[in-house]
């Protein structure tokens, strides 16, 4: 995630005497916990892996940057949850304020799968621990 966005968050939400590094560290910890909590209540595929859904929101004219939103369904509260902020923070990607997704660069492969693979590796320690579906 862009430092400028986190700096803005720090100015609004930072506590007195808290350094920017401490704020970012806390945000990362909260994002990891948010992702784990969401995955605990997510539906499972036939292999027992939590299902994560992605939605393609925008593609640049060059085709090299996409905006993708990340969602899961919480079976406990029976609602779809958006995981854009924690996912972007954990993966060091920027949020796309125009299309409500996460900006990811690249092409020639399934970028939604790549994002979920990286998220699973970061949160669960295994890139194949999550199941990915496009909506």
Protein backbone atom coordinates (compact mmCIF):
# COMPACT_ATOMS: atom_id res chain seq x y z
CA UNK A 1 0.00 0.00 0.00
CA UNK A 2 1.24 3.47 -0.77
CA UNK A 3 2.98 5.17 2.13
CA UNK A 4 1.04 8.39 1.49
CA UNK A 5 -2.26 6.60 2.18
CA UNK A 6 -0.89 5.08 5.38
CA UNK A 7 0.56 8.45 6.38
CA UNK A 8 -2.92 9.97 5.98
CA UNK A 9 -4.42 7.15 8.08
CA UNK A 10 -1.72 7.76 10.71
CA UNK A 11 -2.58 11.46 10.90
CA UNK A 12 -6.24 10.61 11.50
CA UNK A 13 -6.02 7.45 13.62
CA UNK A 14 -2.54 7.56 15.16
CA UNK A 15 -2.38 7.82 18.93
CA UNK A 16 -0.36 10.40 20.86
CA UNK A 17 3.28 9.36 21.16
CA UNK A 18 2.88 6.57 18.59
CA UNK A 19 5.46 6.52 15.81
CA UNK A 20 4.52 5.95 12.18
CA UNK A 21 6.36 2.60 12.22
CA UNK A 22 4.38 1.47 15.27
CA UNK A 23 1.15 2.52 13.58
CA UNK A 24 1.98 0.58 10.39
CA UNK A 25 3.00 -2.48 12.41
CA UNK A 26 -0.33 -2.37 14.27
CA UNK A 27 -2.27 -1.97 11.02
CA UNK A 28 -0.51 -5.00 9.54
CA UNK A 29 -1.28 -7.09 12.65
CA UNK A 30 -4.95 -6.02 12.54
CA UNK A 31 -5.11 -6.82 8.83
CA UNK A 32 -3.68 -10.31 9.36
CA UNK A 33 -6.21 -10.94 12.14
CA UNK A 34 -9.07 -9.60 9.99
CA UNK A 35 -8.07 -11.95 7.17
CA UNK A 36 -7.78 -14.95 9.52
CA UNK A 37 -11.19 -14.20 11.08
CA UNK A 38 -12.80 -13.86 7.65
CA UNK A 39 -11.25 -17.13 6.48
CA UNK A 40 -12.41 -18.99 9.59
CA UNK A 41 -16.06 -18.34 8.68
CA UNK A 42 -15.67 -18.66 4.90
CA UNK A 43 -17.32 -21.41 2.85
CA UNK A 44 -15.03 -24.30 1.87
CA UNK A 45 -14.41 -26.02 -1.42
CA UNK A 46 -14.44 -29.80 -1.85
CA UNK A 47 -10.87 -29.98 -0.46
CA UNK A 48 -11.78 -28.02 2.68
CA UNK A 49 -9.97 -24.84 1.60
CA UNK A 50 -11.62 -21.45 2.31
CA UNK A 51 -13.11 -19.82 -0.80
CA UNK A 52 -11.99 -16.33 -1.78
CA UNK A 53 -13.75 -14.49 -4.57
CA UNK A 54 -12.30 -11.82 -6.85
CA UNK A 55 -14.02 -9.30 -9.10
CA UNK A 56 -12.26 -7.60 -11.99
CA UNK A 57 -13.11 -3.93 -11.60
CA UNK A 58 -10.94 -2.23 -14.23
CA UNK A 59 -8.18 -2.86 -16.78
CA UNK A 60 -5.96 -0.06 -18.05
CA UNK A 61 -5.84 0.44 -21.84
CA UNK A 62 -2.34 -1.07 -21.95
CA UNK A 63 -3.65 -4.20 -20.22
CA UNK A 64 -0.73 -4.20 -17.78
CA UNK A 65 -2.59 -2.97 -14.67
CA UNK A 66 -5.79 -4.32 -13.27
CA UNK A 67 -8.02 -3.34 -10.40
CA UNK A 68 -9.35 -6.39 -8.58
CA UNK A 69 -11.52 -6.53 -5.48
CA UNK A 70 -11.26 -9.40 -2.98
CA UNK A 71 -14.27 -10.86 -1.16
CA UNK A 72 -15.35 -13.78 0.95
CA UNK A 73 -18.71 -14.85 2.28
CA UNK A 74 -19.09 -15.04 6.07
CA UNK A 75 -21.32 -18.01 6.86
CA UNK A 76 -21.83 -16.90 10.45
CA UNK A 77 -23.36 -13.51 9.67
CA UNK A 78 -24.47 -14.48 6.16
CA UNK A 79 -22.89 -11.50 4.40
CA UNK A 80 -20.30 -10.91 1.71
CA UNK A 81 -17.18 -9.26 3.14
CA UNK A 82 -14.80 -7.08 1.18
CA UNK A 83 -11.13 -7.66 2.05
CA UNK A 84 -9.54 -4.97 -0.13
CA UNK A 85 -7.89 -2.95 2.65
CA UNK A 86 -6.30 -5.84 4.57
CA UNK A 87 -5.27 -7.57 1.35
CA UNK A 88 -3.67 -4.43 -0.10
CA UNK A 89 -1.86 -3.69 3.15
CA UNK A 90 -0.54 -7.22 3.57
CA UNK A 91 0.64 -7.47 -0.04
CA UNK A 92 2.01 -3.94 -0.31
CA UNK A 93 -0.35 -3.01 -3.13
CA UNK A 94 -2.24 0.22 -3.71
CA UNK A 95 -5.97 0.66 -3.39
CA UNK A 96 -7.74 1.99 -6.48
CA UNK A 97 -10.04 4.70 -5.20
CA UNK A 98 -11.81 5.02 -8.56
CA UNK A 99 -12.91 1.42 -8.98
CA UNK A 100 -12.93 0.11 -5.38
CA UNK A 101 -10.31 -2.53 -6.00
CA UNK A 102 -6.63 -3.26 -5.52
CA UNK A 103 -4.19 -2.22 -8.23
CA UNK A 104 -2.01 -5.05 -9.43
CA UNK A 105 0.44 -4.88 -12.32
CA UNK A 106 1.21 -7.69 -14.68
CA UNK A 107 -0.27 -9.75 -17.44
CA UNK A 108 -0.07 -13.06 -19.21
CA UNK A 109 -1.45 -14.95 -16.23
CA UNK A 110 -4.43 -15.02 -13.90
CA UNK A 111 -3.73 -11.97 -11.73
CA UNK A 112 -6.62 -12.75 -9.37
CA UNK A 113 -5.09 -16.16 -8.66
CA UNK A 114 -1.67 -14.53 -8.21
CA UNK A 115 -3.08 -12.09 -5.66
CA UNK A 116 -4.86 -14.82 -3.68
CA UNK A 117 -1.78 -17.07 -3.84
CA UNK A 118 0.33 -14.26 -2.37
CA UNK A 119 -2.31 -13.53 0.29
CA UNK A 120 -2.47 -17.19 1.33
CA UNK A 121 1.30 -17.33 1.55
CA UNK A 122 1.38 -14.23 3.73
CA UNK A 123 -1.50 -15.12 6.07
CA UNK A 124 -1.40 -18.93 6.14
CA UNK A 125 2.16 -19.74 5.09
CA UNK A 126 1.02 -21.78 2.06
CA UNK A 127 0.11 -20.21 -1.28
CA UNK A 128 -2.24 -23.07 -2.09
CA UNK A 129 -4.14 -22.92 1.24
CA UNK A 130 -6.97 -20.85 -0.30
CA UNK A 131 -9.32 -21.60 -3.14
CA UNK A 132 -9.96 -18.81 -5.65
CA UNK A 133 -13.07 -18.13 -7.74
CA UNK A 134 -13.92 -15.22 -10.05
CA UNK A 135 -17.29 -13.51 -9.70
